[in-house]
Amino acid sequence: MVMLMFKDVVTLIKTRRERTKGGGFKEVIDAQRDVFAGKQSAGRTEFYMAAQADLQVEKVFKIRIMDYQDERTLLNEGACYSIIRDYEKGDFVYLTCQKRLGGLDEVLS
């Protein structure tokens, strides 16, 4: 039996849209939680396919499928990422991420 150890901790953030008094909307953090993850570099194919869609893949994180609840934002080592793709393989989900230039403030603006 092979034991897989995740060395990294990521914070998964779920947001929701809330109506403002001015009639607009803003994003607010609904929930956030830490989970263990394995950090990987993006593969060549994934990197170039994302570039064709004007996306820039920075990292891929592998987490247990039971830990993922369709969050779209992730924090790791002080950097904020958008989850641009998630795909399941066996008992795991791979989160393909793009760094958010505005950090978490961009999510909440």
PDB file of N, CA and C in Angstrom:
ATOM      1  N   MET A   1       0.840  -1.177   0.000  1.00  0.00           N
ATOM      2  CA  MET A   1       0.000   0.000   0.000  1.00  0.00           C
ATOM      3  C   MET A   1       0.890   1.248   0.000  1.00  0.00           C
ATOM      4  N   VAL A   2       0.632   2.150  -0.923  1.00  0.00           N
ATOM      5  CA  VAL A   2       1.401   3.384  -1.026  1.00  0.00           C
ATOM      6  C   VAL A   2       0.695   4.468  -0.226  1.00  0.00           C
ATOM      7  N   MET A   3       1.459   5.119   0.631  1.00  0.00           N
ATOM      8  CA  MET A   3       0.886   6.184   1.447  1.00  0.00           C
ATOM      9  C   MET A   3       1.252   7.530   0.821  1.00  0.00           C
ATOM     10  N   LEU A   4       0.270   8.340   0.518  1.00  0.00           N
ATOM     11  CA  LEU A   4       0.497   9.643  -0.076  1.00  0.00           C
ATOM     12  C   LEU A   4       0.457  10.692   1.018  1.00  0.00           C
ATOM     13  N   MET A   5       1.528  11.493   1.077  1.00  0.00           N
ATOM     14  CA  MET A   5       1.578  12.542   2.088  1.00  0.00           C
ATOM     15  C   MET A   5       1.530  13.893   1.399  1.00  0.00           C
ATOM     16  N   PHE A   6       0.647  14.748   1.853  1.00  0.00           N
ATOM     17  CA  PHE A   6       0.569  16.107   1.351  1.00  0.00           C
ATOM     18  C   PHE A   6       1.387  16.998   2.277  1.00  0.00           C
ATOM     19  N   LYS A   7       2.285  17.776   1.706  1.00  0.00           N
ATOM     20  CA  LYS A   7       3.169  18.626   2.504  1.00  0.00           C
ATOM     21  C   LYS A   7       2.647  20.047   2.673  1.00  0.00           C
ATOM     22  N   ASP A   8       1.738  20.462   1.803  1.00  0.00           N
ATOM     23  CA  ASP A   8       1.269  21.844   1.814  1.00  0.00           C
ATOM     24  C   ASP A   8      -0.105  21.964   2.450  1.00  0.00           C
ATOM     25  N   VAL A   9      -0.380  23.157   2.950  1.00  0.00           N
ATOM     26  CA  VAL A   9      -1.712  23.491   3.451  1.00  0.00           C
ATOM     27  C   VAL A   9      -2.225  24.649   2.601  1.00  0.00           C
ATOM     28  N   VAL A  10      -3.439  24.508   2.095  1.00  0.00           N
ATOM     29  CA  VAL A  10      -4.073  25.590   1.338  1.00  0.00           C
ATOM     30  C   VAL A  10      -5.354  25.984   2.048  1.00  0.00           C
ATOM     31  N   THR A  11      -5.748  27.230   1.853  1.00  0.00           N
ATOM     32  CA  THR A  11      -7.016  27.713   2.390  1.00  0.00           C
ATOM     33  C   THR A  11      -7.986  27.837   1.235  1.00  0.00           C
ATOM     34  N   LEU A  12      -9.058  27.076   1.281  1.00  0.00           N
ATOM     35  CA  LEU A  12     -10.104  27.146   0.261  1.00  0.00           C
ATOM     36  C   LEU A  12     -11.133  28.175   0.712  1.00  0.00           C
ATOM     37  N   ILE A  13     -11.499  29.075  -0.194  1.00  0.00           N
ATOM     38  CA  ILE A  13     -12.412  30.171   0.153  1.00  0.00           C
ATOM     39  C   ILE A  13     -13.645  30.121  -0.731  1.00  0.00           C
ATOM     40  N   LYS A  14     -14.799  30.091  -0.093  1.00  0.00           N
ATOM     41  CA  LYS A  14     -16.073  30.142  -0.810  1.00  0.00           C
ATOM     42  C   LYS A  14     -16.649  31.533  -0.605  1.00  0.00           C
ATOM     43  N   THR A  15     -17.045  32.184  -1.707  1.00  0.00           N
ATOM     44  CA  THR A  15     -17.630  33.519  -1.625  1.00  0.00           C
ATOM     45  C   THR A  15     -19.066  33.490  -2.121  1.00  0.00           C
ATOM     46  N   ARG A  16     -19.773  34.550  -1.788  1.00  0.00           N
ATOM     47  CA  ARG A  16     -21.134  34.712  -2.303  1.00  0.00           C
ATOM     48  C   ARG A  16     -21.341  36.177  -2.633  1.00  0.00           C
ATOM     49  N   ARG A  17     -22.275  36.442  -3.535  1.00  0.00           N
ATOM     50  CA  ARG A  17     -22.598  37.815  -3.919  1.00  0.00           C
ATOM     51  C   ARG A  17     -23.665  38.346  -2.991  1.00  0.00           C
ATOM     52  N   GLU A  18     -23.456  39.564  -2.536  1.00  0.00           N
ATOM     53  CA  GLU A  18     -24.404  40.203  -1.628  1.00  0.00           C
ATOM     54  C   GLU A  18     -24.783  41.559  -2.213  1.00  0.00           C
ATOM     55  N   ARG A  19     -26.051  41.869  -2.161  1.00  0.00           N
ATOM     56  CA  ARG A  19     -26.539  43.145  -2.695  1.00  0.00           C
ATOM     57  C   ARG A  19     -26.116  44.286  -1.779  1.00  0.00           C
ATOM     58  N   THR A  20     -25.651  45.388  -2.376  1.00  0.00           N
ATOM     59  CA  THR A  20     -25.267  46.568  -1.606  1.00  0.00           C
ATOM     60  C   THR A  20     -26.444  47.539  -1.554  1.00  0.00           C
ATOM     61  N   LYS A  21     -26.357  48.529  -0.684  1.00  0.00           N
ATOM     62  CA  LYS A  21     -27.426  49.519  -0.561  1.00  0.00           C
ATOM     63  C   LYS A  21     -27.592  50.342  -1.827  1.00  0.00           C
ATOM     64  N   GLY A  22     -26.517  50.496  -2.601  1.00  0.00           N
ATOM     65  CA  GLY A  22     -26.570  51.267  -3.834  1.00  0.00           C
ATOM     66  C   GLY A  22     -27.151  50.499  -5.008  1.00  0.00           C
ATOM     67  N   GLY A  23     -27.589  49.276  -4.775  1.00  0.00           N
ATOM     68  CA  GLY A  23     -28.191  48.481  -5.837  1.00  0.00           C
ATOM     69  C   GLY A  23     -27.213  47.594  -6.579  1.00  0.00           C
ATOM     70  N   GLY A  24     -25.931  47.640  -6.211  1.00  0.00           N
ATOM     71  CA  GLY A  24     -24.925  46.793  -6.849  1.00  0.00           C
ATOM     72  C   GLY A  24     -24.718  45.507  -6.067  1.00  0.00           C
ATOM     73  N   PHE A  25     -23.642  44.831  -6.379  1.00  0.00           N
ATOM     74  CA  PHE A  25     -23.302  43.589  -5.684  1.00  0.00           C
ATOM     75  C   PHE A  25     -21.845  43.633  -5.262  1.00  0.00           C
ATOM     76  N   LYS A  26     -21.524  42.914  -4.191  1.00  0.00           N
ATOM     77  CA  LYS A  26     -20.140  42.731  -3.783  1.00  0.00           C
ATOM     78  C   LYS A  26     -19.960  41.288  -3.345  1.00  0.00           C
ATOM     79  N   GLU A  27     -18.722  40.819  -3.456  1.00  0.00           N
ATOM     80  CA  GLU A  27     -18.400  39.458  -3.028  1.00  0.00           C
ATOM     81  C   GLU A  27     -18.013  39.490  -1.554  1.00  0.00           C
ATOM     82  N   VAL A  28     -18.539  38.565  -0.790  1.00  0.00           N
ATOM     83  CA  VAL A  28     -18.166  38.431   0.613  1.00  0.00           C
ATOM     84  C   VAL A  28     -17.765  36.984   0.862  1.00  0.00           C
ATOM     85  N   ILE A  29     -16.855  36.803   1.810  1.00  0.00           N
ATOM     86  CA  ILE A  29     -16.420  35.445   2.140  1.00  0.00           C
ATOM     87  C   ILE A  29     -17.529  34.748   2.900  1.00  0.00           C
ATOM     88  N   ASP A  30     -17.954  33.616   2.371  1.00  0.00           N
ATOM     89  CA  ASP A  30     -18.999  32.804   2.985  1.00  0.00           C
ATOM     90  C   ASP A  30     -18.381  31.793   3.949  1.00  0.00           C
ATOM     91  N   ALA A  31     -17.277  31.195   3.525  1.00  0.00           N
ATOM     92  CA  ALA A  31     -16.598  30.195   4.353  1.00  0.00           C
ATOM     93  C   ALA A  31     -15.167  30.048   3.876  1.00  0.00           C
ATOM     94  N   GLN A  32     -14.300  29.680   4.795  1.00  0.00           N
ATOM     95  CA  GLN A  32     -12.932  29.349   4.415  1.00  0.00           C
ATOM     96  C   GLN A  32     -12.424  28.276   5.351  1.00  0.00           C
ATOM     97  N   ARG A  33     -11.587  27.404   4.809  1.00  0.00           N
ATOM     98  CA  ARG A  33     -11.051  26.320   5.630  1.00  0.00           C
ATOM     99  C   ARG A  33      -9.731  25.838   5.070  1.00  0.00           C
ATOM    100  N   ASP A  34      -8.898  25.308   5.942  1.00  0.00           N
ATOM    101  CA  ASP A  34      -7.591  24.798   5.546  1.00  0.00           C
ATOM    102  C   ASP A  34      -7.676  23.307   5.265  1.00  0.00           C
ATOM    103  N   VAL A  35      -7.003  22.889   4.200  1.00  0.00           N
ATOM    104  CA  VAL A  35      -6.923  21.469   3.859  1.00  0.00           C
ATOM    105  C   VAL A  35      -5.484  21.159   3.434  1.00  0.00           C
ATOM    106  N   PHE A  36      -5.094  19.905   3.569  1.00  0.00           N
ATOM    107  CA  PHE A  36      -3.781  19.474   3.104  1.00  0.00           C
ATOM    108  C   PHE A  36      -3.817  19.278   1.595  1.00  0.00           C
ATOM    109  N   ALA A  37      -2.695  19.607   0.938  1.00  0.00           N
ATOM    110  CA  ALA A  37      -2.630  19.513  -0.516  1.00  0.00           C
ATOM    111  C   ALA A  37      -1.214  19.168  -0.958  1.00  0.00           C
ATOM    112  N   GLY A  38      -1.138  18.654  -2.171  1.00  0.00           N
ATOM    113  CA  GLY A  38       0.146  18.437  -2.830  1.00  0.00           C
ATOM    114  C   GLY A  38       0.275  19.474  -3.932  1.00  0.00           C
ATOM    115  N   LYS A  39       1.341  20.280  -3.892  1.00  0.00           N
ATOM    116  CA  LYS A  39       1.532  21.334  -4.886  1.00  0.00           C
ATOM    117  C   LYS A  39       2.363  20.782  -6.039  1.00  0.00           C
ATOM    118  N   GLN A  40       1.901  21.092  -7.274  1.00  0.00           N
ATOM    119  CA  GLN A  40       2.599  20.633  -8.469  1.00  0.00           C
ATOM    120  C   GLN A  40       2.731  21.787  -9.442  1.00  0.00           C
ATOM    121  N   SER A  41       3.690  21.681 -10.317  1.00  0.00           N
ATOM    122  CA  SER A  41       3.780  22.647 -11.409  1.00  0.00           C
ATOM    123  C   SER A  41       2.786  22.238 -12.480  1.00  0.00           C
ATOM    124  N   ALA A  42       2.350  23.213 -13.252  1.00  0.00           N
ATOM    125  CA  ALA A  42       1.437  22.909 -14.356  1.00  0.00           C
ATOM    126  C   ALA A  42       2.204  22.166 -15.439  1.00  0.00           C
ATOM    127  N   GLY A  43       1.553  21.191 -16.038  1.00  0.00           N
ATOM    128  CA  GLY A  43       2.162  20.451 -17.135  1.00  0.00           C
ATOM    129  C   GLY A  43       2.236  21.301 -18.392  1.00  0.00           C
ATOM    130  N   ARG A  44       3.089  20.916 -19.299  1.00  0.00           N
ATOM    131  CA  ARG A  44       3.295  21.673 -20.534  1.00  0.00           C
ATOM    132  C   ARG A  44       2.007  21.805 -21.336  1.00  0.00           C
ATOM    133  N   THR A  45       1.292  20.716 -21.519  1.00  0.00           N
ATOM    134  CA  THR A  45       0.057  20.759 -22.295  1.00  0.00           C
ATOM    135  C   THR A  45      -0.966  21.671 -21.640  1.00  0.00           C
ATOM    136  N   GLU A  46      -1.131  21.524 -20.342  1.00  0.00           N
ATOM    137  CA  GLU A  46      -2.098  22.351 -19.617  1.00  0.00           C
ATOM    138  C   GLU A  46      -1.718  23.826 -19.681  1.00  0.00           C
ATOM    139  N   PHE A  47      -0.424  24.103 -19.564  1.00  0.00           N
ATOM    140  CA  PHE A  47       0.052  25.475 -19.611  1.00  0.00           C
ATOM    141  C   PHE A  47      -0.274  26.124 -20.964  1.00  0.00           C
ATOM    142  N   TYR A  48       0.021  25.433 -22.052  1.00  0.00           N
ATOM    143  CA  TYR A  48      -0.203  26.015 -23.375  1.00  0.00           C
ATOM    144  C   TYR A  48      -1.677  26.065 -23.761  1.00  0.00           C
ATOM    145  N   MET A  49      -2.460  25.095 -23.326  1.00  0.00           N
ATOM    146  CA  MET A  49      -3.897  25.134 -23.602  1.00  0.00           C
ATOM    147  C   MET A  49      -4.545  26.305 -22.863  1.00  0.00           C
ATOM    148  N   ALA A  50      -4.109  26.568 -21.648  1.00  0.00           N
ATOM    149  CA  ALA A  50      -4.636  27.700 -20.889  1.00  0.00           C
ATOM    150  C   ALA A  50      -4.246  29.011 -21.563  1.00  0.00           C
ATOM    151  N   ALA A  51      -3.036  29.085 -22.062  1.00  0.00           N
ATOM    152  CA  ALA A  51      -2.579  30.305 -22.731  1.00  0.00           C
ATOM    153  C   ALA A  51      -3.423  30.622 -23.957  1.00  0.00           C
ATOM    154  N   GLN A  52      -3.897  29.594 -24.651  1.00  0.00           N
ATOM    155  CA  GLN A  52      -4.763  29.804 -25.813  1.00  0.00           C
ATOM    156  C   GLN A  52      -6.088  30.432 -25.413  1.00  0.00           C
ATOM    157  N   ALA A  53      -6.498  30.233 -24.169  1.00  0.00           N
ATOM    158  CA  ALA A  53      -7.755  30.802 -23.664  1.00  0.00           C
ATOM    159  C   ALA A  53      -7.487  32.072 -22.847  1.00  0.00           C
ATOM    160  N   ASP A  54      -6.304  32.670 -23.021  1.00  0.00           N
ATOM    161  CA  ASP A  54      -5.893  33.878 -22.298  1.00  0.00           C
ATOM    162  C   ASP A  54      -5.870  33.685 -20.780  1.00  0.00           C
ATOM    163  N   LEU A  55      -5.501  32.498 -20.345  1.00  0.00           N
ATOM    164  CA  LEU A  55      -5.329  32.214 -18.924  1.00  0.00           C
ATOM    165  C   LEU A  55      -3.868  31.879 -18.675  1.00  0.00           C
ATOM    166  N   GLN A  56      -3.391  32.129 -17.473  1.00  0.00           N
ATOM    167  CA  GLN A  56      -2.008  31.828 -17.131  1.00  0.00           C
ATOM    168  C   GLN A  56      -2.001  30.894 -15.929  1.00  0.00           C
ATOM    169  N   VAL A  57      -1.705  29.645 -16.172  1.00  0.00           N
ATOM    170  CA  VAL A  57      -1.686  28.646 -15.113  1.00  0.00           C
ATOM    171  C   VAL A  57      -0.412  28.808 -14.295  1.00  0.00           C
ATOM    172  N   GLU A  58      -0.572  28.905 -12.986  1.00  0.00           N
ATOM    173  CA  GLU A  58       0.578  29.067 -12.088  1.00  0.00           C
ATOM    174  C   GLU A  58       0.912  27.768 -11.366  1.00  0.00           C
ATOM    175  N   LYS A  59      -0.100  27.161 -10.752  1.00  0.00           N
ATOM    176  CA  LYS A  59       0.103  25.962  -9.937  1.00  0.00           C
ATOM    177  C   LYS A  59      -1.071  25.011 -10.104  1.00  0.00           C
ATOM    178  N   VAL A  60      -0.813  23.762  -9.758  1.00  0.00           N
ATOM    179  CA  VAL A  60      -1.866  22.747  -9.678  1.00  0.00           C
ATOM    180  C   VAL A  60      -1.758  22.145  -8.284  1.00  0.00           C
ATOM    181  N   PHE A  61      -2.879  22.096  -7.575  1.00  0.00           N
ATOM    182  CA  PHE A  61      -2.913  21.520  -6.240  1.00  0.00           C
ATOM    183  C   PHE A  61      -3.772  20.258  -6.271  1.00  0.00           C
ATOM    184  N   LYS A  62      -3.266  19.210  -5.643  1.00  0.00           N
ATOM    185  CA  LYS A  62      -3.988  17.936  -5.556  1.00  0.00           C
ATOM    186  C   LYS A  62      -4.494  17.791  -4.131  1.00  0.00           C
ATOM    187  N   ILE A  63      -5.817  17.627  -3.991  1.00  0.00           N
ATOM    188  CA  ILE A  63      -6.408  17.441  -2.662  1.00  0.00           C
ATOM    189  C   ILE A  63      -7.355  16.249  -2.701  1.00  0.00           C
ATOM    190  N   ARG A  64      -7.734  15.798  -1.535  1.00  0.00           N
ATOM    191  CA  ARG A  64      -8.700  14.692  -1.469  1.00  0.00           C
ATOM    192  C   ARG A  64     -10.063  15.204  -1.935  1.00  0.00           C
ATOM    193  N   ILE A  65     -10.759  14.391  -2.689  1.00  0.00           N
ATOM    194  CA  ILE A  65     -12.035  14.809  -3.271  1.00  0.00           C
ATOM    195  C   ILE A  65     -13.054  15.175  -2.192  1.00  0.00           C
ATOM    196  N   MET A  66     -12.987  14.518  -1.044  1.00  0.00           N
ATOM    197  CA  MET A  66     -13.942  14.815   0.034  1.00  0.00           C
ATOM    198  C   MET A  66     -13.682  16.174   0.686  1.00  0.00           C
ATOM    199  N   ASP A  67     -12.511  16.781   0.417  1.00  0.00           N
ATOM    200  CA  ASP A  67     -12.190  18.091   0.980  1.00  0.00           C
ATOM    201  C   ASP A  67     -12.629  19.252   0.095  1.00  0.00           C
ATOM    202  N   TYR A  68     -13.082  18.974  -1.115  1.00  0.00           N
ATOM    203  CA  TYR A  68     -13.398  20.048  -2.062  1.00  0.00           C
ATOM    204  C   TYR A  68     -14.903  20.259  -2.169  1.00  0.00           C
ATOM    205  N   GLN A  69     -15.343  21.528  -2.052  1.00  0.00           N
ATOM    206  CA  GLN A  69     -16.769  21.855  -2.119  1.00  0.00           C
ATOM    207  C   GLN A  69     -17.016  22.977  -3.127  1.00  0.00           C
ATOM    208  N   ASP A  70     -16.389  22.877  -4.286  1.00  0.00           N
ATOM    209  CA  ASP A  70     -16.562  23.818  -5.397  1.00  0.00           C
ATOM    210  C   ASP A  70     -16.144  25.253  -5.073  1.00  0.00           C
ATOM    211  N   GLU A  71     -15.147  25.420  -4.225  1.00  0.00           N
ATOM    212  CA  GLU A  71     -14.604  26.752  -3.981  1.00  0.00           C
ATOM    213  C   GLU A  71     -13.934  27.260  -5.250  1.00  0.00           C
ATOM    214  N   ARG A  72     -13.869  28.573  -5.426  1.00  0.00           N
ATOM    215  CA  ARG A  72     -13.264  29.156  -6.621  1.00  0.00           C
ATOM    216  C   ARG A  72     -12.026  29.984  -6.302  1.00  0.00           C
ATOM    217  N   THR A  73     -11.658  30.092  -5.005  1.00  0.00           N
ATOM    218  CA  THR A  73     -10.500  30.864  -4.589  1.00  0.00           C
ATOM    219  C   THR A  73      -9.683  30.043  -3.604  1.00  0.00           C
ATOM    220  N   LEU A  74      -8.356  30.198  -3.686  1.00  0.00           N
ATOM    221  CA  LEU A  74      -7.451  29.416  -2.866  1.00  0.00           C
ATOM    222  C   LEU A  74      -6.290  30.299  -2.427  1.00  0.00           C
ATOM    223  N   LEU A  75      -5.870  30.157  -1.177  1.00  0.00           N
ATOM    224  CA  LEU A  75      -4.693  30.856  -0.657  1.00  0.00           C
ATOM    225  C   LEU A  75      -3.607  29.841  -0.356  1.00  0.00           C
ATOM    226  N   ASN A  76      -2.355  30.181  -0.718  1.00  0.00           N
ATOM    227  CA  ASN A  76      -1.226  29.319  -0.403  1.00  0.00           C
ATOM    228  C   ASN A  76       0.024  30.179  -0.280  1.00  0.00           C
ATOM    229  N   GLU A  77       0.705  30.053   0.849  1.00  0.00           N
ATOM    230  CA  GLU A  77       1.946  30.775   1.114  1.00  0.00           C
ATOM    231  C   GLU A  77       1.812  32.273   0.842  1.00  0.00           C
ATOM    232  N   GLY A  78       0.700  32.856   1.272  1.00  0.00           N
ATOM    233  CA  GLY A  78       0.482  34.286   1.138  1.00  0.00           C
ATOM    234  C   GLY A  78       0.004  34.748  -0.223  1.00  0.00           C
ATOM    235  N   ALA A  79      -0.105  33.839  -1.190  1.00  0.00           N
ATOM    236  CA  ALA A  79      -0.574  34.198  -2.529  1.00  0.00           C
ATOM    237  C   ALA A  79      -2.020  33.752  -2.709  1.00  0.00           C
ATOM    238  N   CYS A  80      -2.767  34.554  -3.444  1.00  0.00           N
ATOM    239  CA  CYS A  80      -4.171  34.266  -3.713  1.00  0.00           C
ATOM    240  C   CYS A  80      -4.310  33.771  -5.149  1.00  0.00           C
ATOM    241  N   TYR A  81      -5.053  32.688  -5.342  1.00  0.00           N
ATOM    242  CA  TYR A  81      -5.236  32.082  -6.655  1.00  0.00           C
ATOM    243  C   TYR A  81      -6.721  31.921  -6.978  1.00  0.00           C
ATOM    244  N   SER A  82      -7.043  32.052  -8.255  1.00  0.00           N
ATOM    245  CA  SER A  82      -8.368  31.671  -8.753  1.00  0.00           C
ATOM    246  C   SER A  82      -8.275  30.236  -9.224  1.00  0.00           C
ATOM    247  N   ILE A  83      -9.259  29.442  -8.893  1.00  0.00           N
ATOM    248  CA  ILE A  83      -9.303  28.062  -9.384  1.00  0.00           C
ATOM    249  C   ILE A  83      -9.993  28.118 -10.741  1.00  0.00           C
ATOM    250  N   ILE A  84      -9.222  27.897 -11.801  1.00  0.00           N
ATOM    251  CA  ILE A  84      -9.777  28.031 -13.147  1.00  0.00           C
ATOM    252  C   ILE A  84     -10.244  26.704 -13.722  1.00  0.00           C
ATOM    253  N   ARG A  85      -9.843  25.610 -13.086  1.00  0.00           N
ATOM    254  CA  ARG A  85     -10.293  24.288 -13.540  1.00  0.00           C
ATOM    255  C   ARG A  85     -10.135  23.316 -12.391  1.00  0.00           C
ATOM    256  N   ASP A  86     -11.096  22.422 -12.267  1.00  0.00           N
ATOM    257  CA  ASP A  86     -10.953  21.322 -11.324  1.00  0.00           C
ATOM    258  C   ASP A  86     -11.332  20.032 -12.036  1.00  0.00           C
ATOM    259  N   TYR A  87     -10.567  18.996 -11.769  1.00  0.00           N
ATOM    260  CA  TYR A  87     -10.922  17.714 -12.364  1.00  0.00           C
ATOM    261  C   TYR A  87     -10.610  16.593 -11.388  1.00  0.00           C
ATOM    262  N   GLU A  88     -11.485  15.599 -11.419  1.00  0.00           N
ATOM    263  CA  GLU A  88     -11.386  14.476 -10.500  1.00  0.00           C
ATOM    264  C   GLU A  88     -10.636  13.326 -11.152  1.00  0.00           C
ATOM    265  N   LYS A  89      -9.840  12.665 -10.331  1.00  0.00           N
ATOM    266  CA  LYS A  89      -9.144  11.452 -10.770  1.00  0.00           C
ATOM    267  C   LYS A  89      -9.038  10.548  -9.553  1.00  0.00           C
ATOM    268  N   GLY A  90      -9.834   9.503  -9.552  1.00  0.00           N
ATOM    269  CA  GLY A  90      -9.850   8.593  -8.407  1.00  0.00           C
ATOM    270  C   GLY A  90     -10.409   9.282  -7.181  1.00  0.00           C
ATOM    271  N   ASP A  91      -9.662   9.201  -6.086  1.00  0.00           N
ATOM    272  CA  ASP A  91     -10.088   9.805  -4.816  1.00  0.00           C
ATOM    273  C   ASP A  91      -9.616  11.238  -4.645  1.00  0.00           C
ATOM    274  N   PHE A  92      -9.087  11.824  -5.716  1.00  0.00           N
ATOM    275  CA  PHE A  92      -8.496  13.158  -5.620  1.00  0.00           C
ATOM    276  C   PHE A  92      -9.099  14.110  -6.633  1.00  0.00           C
ATOM    277  N   VAL A  93      -8.947  15.394  -6.346  1.00  0.00           N
ATOM    278  CA  VAL A  93      -9.334  16.438  -7.295  1.00  0.00           C
ATOM    279  C   VAL A  93      -8.109  17.324  -7.490  1.00  0.00           C
ATOM    280  N   TYR A  94      -7.868  17.682  -8.736  1.00  0.00           N
ATOM    281  CA  TYR A  94      -6.749  18.546  -9.105  1.00  0.00           C
ATOM    282  C   TYR A  94      -7.294  19.938  -9.376  1.00  0.00           C
ATOM    283  N   LEU A  95      -6.729  20.937  -8.706  1.00  0.00           N
ATOM    284  CA  LEU A  95      -7.182  22.318  -8.841  1.00  0.00           C
ATOM    285  C   LEU A  95      -6.131  23.104  -9.621  1.00  0.00           C
ATOM    286  N   THR A  96      -6.484  23.493 -10.827  1.00  0.00           N
ATOM    287  CA  THR A  96      -5.584  24.284 -11.666  1.00  0.00           C
ATOM    288  C   THR A  96      -5.824  25.744 -11.323  1.00  0.00           C
ATOM    289  N   CYS A  97      -4.746  26.453 -10.983  1.00  0.00           N
ATOM    290  CA  CYS A  97      -4.895  27.797 -10.417  1.00  0.00           C
ATOM    291  C   CYS A  97      -4.115  28.861 -11.183  1.00  0.00           C
ATOM    292  N   GLN A  98      -4.702  30.055 -11.171  1.00  0.00           N
ATOM    293  CA  GLN A  98      -4.090  31.251 -11.739  1.00  0.00           C
ATOM    294  C   GLN A  98      -3.945  32.271 -10.620  1.00  0.00           C
ATOM    295  N   LYS A  99      -2.765  32.882 -10.505  1.00  0.00           N
ATOM    296  CA  LYS A  99      -2.536  33.857  -9.437  1.00  0.00           C
ATOM    297  C   LYS A  99      -3.389  35.094  -9.685  1.00  0.00           C
ATOM    298  N   ARG A 100      -4.009  35.598  -8.624  1.00  0.00           N
ATOM    299  CA  ARG A 100      -4.799  36.822  -8.685  1.00  0.00           C
ATOM    300  C   ARG A 100      -3.885  37.986  -8.379  1.00  0.00           C
ATOM    301  N   LEU A 101      -3.760  38.903  -9.311  1.00  0.00           N
ATOM    302  CA  LEU A 101      -2.843  40.018  -9.132  1.00  0.00           C
ATOM    303  C   LEU A 101      -3.258  40.936  -7.998  1.00  0.00           C
ATOM    304  N   GLY A 102      -4.554  41.087  -7.779  1.00  0.00           N
ATOM    305  CA  GLY A 102      -5.046  41.939  -6.700  1.00  0.00           C
ATOM    306  C   GLY A 102      -5.152  41.214  -5.375  1.00  0.00           C
ATOM    307  N   GLY A 103      -4.753  39.957  -5.328  1.00  0.00           N
ATOM    308  CA  GLY A 103      -4.843  39.178  -4.108  1.00  0.00           C
ATOM    309  C   GLY A 103      -6.279  38.991  -3.670  1.00  0.00           C
ATOM    310  N   LEU A 104      -6.479  38.832  -2.382  1.00  0.00           N
ATOM    311  CA  LEU A 104      -7.819  38.596  -1.834  1.00  0.00           C
ATOM    312  C   LEU A 104      -8.679  39.846  -1.948  1.00  0.00           C
ATOM    313  N   ASP A 105      -8.067  41.025  -1.958  1.00  0.00           N
ATOM    314  CA  ASP A 105      -8.826  42.264  -2.100  1.00  0.00           C
ATOM    315  C   ASP A 105      -9.604  42.272  -3.408  1.00  0.00           C
ATOM    316  N   GLU A 106      -9.050  41.672  -4.455  1.00  0.00           N
ATOM    317  CA  GLU A 106      -9.732  41.606  -5.754  1.00  0.00           C
ATOM    318  C   GLU A 106     -10.992  40.756  -5.644  1.00  0.00           C
ATOM    319  N   VAL A 107     -10.947  39.708  -4.821  1.00  0.00           N
ATOM    320  CA  VAL A 107     -12.118  38.846  -4.641  1.00  0.00           C
ATOM    321  C   VAL A 107     -13.232  39.616  -3.951  1.00  0.00           C
ATOM    322  N   LEU A 108     -12.857  40.453  -3.007  1.00  0.00           N
ATOM    323  CA  LEU A 108     -13.852  41.138  -2.182  1.00  0.00           C
ATOM    324  C   LEU A 108     -14.243  42.509  -2.678  1.00  0.00           C
ATOM    325  N   SER A 109     -13.730  42.936  -3.820  1.00  0.00           N
ATOM    326  CA  SER A 109     -14.069  44.278  -4.304  1.00  0.00           C
ATOM    327  C   SER A 109     -15.360  44.281  -5.101  1.00  0.00           C
TER     328      SER A 109
END
